[in-house]
Amino acid sequence: MTRTLPLPPALRRGDRVRLVAASSALAGGGRLEEGLALLESWGLVVEAEALAIQERRWGYLAGRDQERAAEIGRAHV
């Protein structure tokens, strides 16, 4: 039996979004800033914590398991 999940409503201008780094650490080069600028150009409000995720690293991961899990938990509202 296949179960389908309902889709959330589409994002609209003024909606608040939060970025998470749940797996690999972010590489430098300004790609995060480019992504933030794109989201903001769509009229979305990006939470300020987004820039902190690019600094977090544990080996090749974007932080320790507890840090990444907590970040996902905070983002799920």
Protein backbone atom coordinates (compact mmCIF):
# COMPACT_ATOMS: atom_id res chain seq x y z
CA MET A 1 0.00 0.00 0.00
CA THR A 2 1.40 3.38 -1.01
CA ARG A 3 0.77 6.32 1.28
CA THR A 4 1.12 9.85 0.01
CA LEU A 5 1.82 12.83 2.20
CA PRO A 6 -0.01 16.09 1.65
CA LEU A 7 2.08 18.86 0.17
CA PRO A 8 2.61 21.97 2.28
CA PRO A 9 1.32 25.26 0.91
CA ALA A 10 3.61 27.05 -1.54
CA LEU A 11 5.90 29.73 -0.12
CA ARG A 12 4.74 33.32 -0.61
CA ARG A 13 6.40 36.72 -0.33
CA GLY A 14 6.94 37.59 3.31
CA ASP A 15 7.13 33.96 4.46
CA ARG A 16 9.92 33.23 6.95
CA VAL A 17 12.43 30.48 6.10
CA ARG A 18 15.30 28.91 8.01
CA LEU A 19 18.28 27.16 6.45
CA VAL A 20 19.81 24.08 7.99
CA ALA A 21 23.05 22.23 7.24
CA ALA A 22 22.09 18.69 8.14
CA SER A 23 24.88 16.81 6.39
CA SER A 24 28.10 18.03 4.78
CA ALA A 25 29.85 21.20 5.87
CA LEU A 26 29.38 24.15 3.58
CA ALA A 27 32.26 25.04 1.31
CA GLY A 28 33.35 28.64 1.07
CA GLY A 29 33.22 30.68 -2.08
CA GLY A 30 30.14 32.75 -1.36
CA ARG A 31 27.60 30.15 -2.44
CA LEU A 32 25.61 30.51 0.80
CA GLU A 33 25.45 34.28 0.34
CA GLU A 34 24.30 33.79 -3.27
CA GLY A 35 21.57 31.44 -2.09
CA LEU A 36 20.46 33.87 0.62
CA ALA A 37 20.29 36.68 -1.92
CA LEU A 38 18.16 34.52 -4.23
CA LEU A 39 15.71 33.60 -1.46
CA GLU A 40 15.45 37.25 -0.45
CA SER A 41 14.90 38.28 -4.09
CA TRP A 42 11.84 35.99 -4.03
CA GLY A 43 10.51 38.05 -1.12
CA LEU A 44 11.25 35.45 1.56
CA VAL A 45 12.53 36.45 5.00
CA VAL A 46 15.61 34.37 5.83
CA GLU A 47 16.29 33.94 9.55
CA ALA A 48 19.56 35.52 10.64
CA GLU A 49 21.12 32.27 11.92
CA ALA A 50 21.79 31.19 8.34
CA LEU A 51 25.29 32.65 8.19
CA ALA A 52 26.36 30.76 11.33
CA ILE A 53 25.95 27.37 9.62
CA GLN A 54 28.81 28.01 7.23
CA GLU A 55 31.27 28.28 10.13
CA ARG A 56 30.28 24.99 11.77
CA ARG A 57 32.38 21.97 10.87
CA TRP A 58 33.23 18.58 12.36
CA GLY A 59 35.43 16.69 9.92
CA TYR A 60 33.50 16.76 6.64
CA LEU A 61 30.17 17.24 8.43
CA ALA A 62 28.34 20.48 9.23
CA GLY A 63 28.82 19.97 12.97
CA ARG A 64 28.42 17.20 15.50
CA ASP A 65 25.34 14.96 15.35
CA GLN A 66 23.75 16.75 18.32
CA GLU A 67 24.26 20.18 16.71
CA ARG A 68 22.75 19.13 13.40
CA ALA A 69 19.82 17.33 15.03
CA ALA A 70 19.08 20.35 17.24
CA GLU A 71 19.15 22.61 14.20
CA ILE A 72 16.59 20.44 12.40
CA GLY A 73 14.44 20.40 15.54
CA ARG A 74 14.51 24.21 15.78
CA ALA A 75 13.59 24.55 12.12
CA HIS A 76 10.58 22.24 12.37
CA VAL A 77 7.79 24.51 13.52
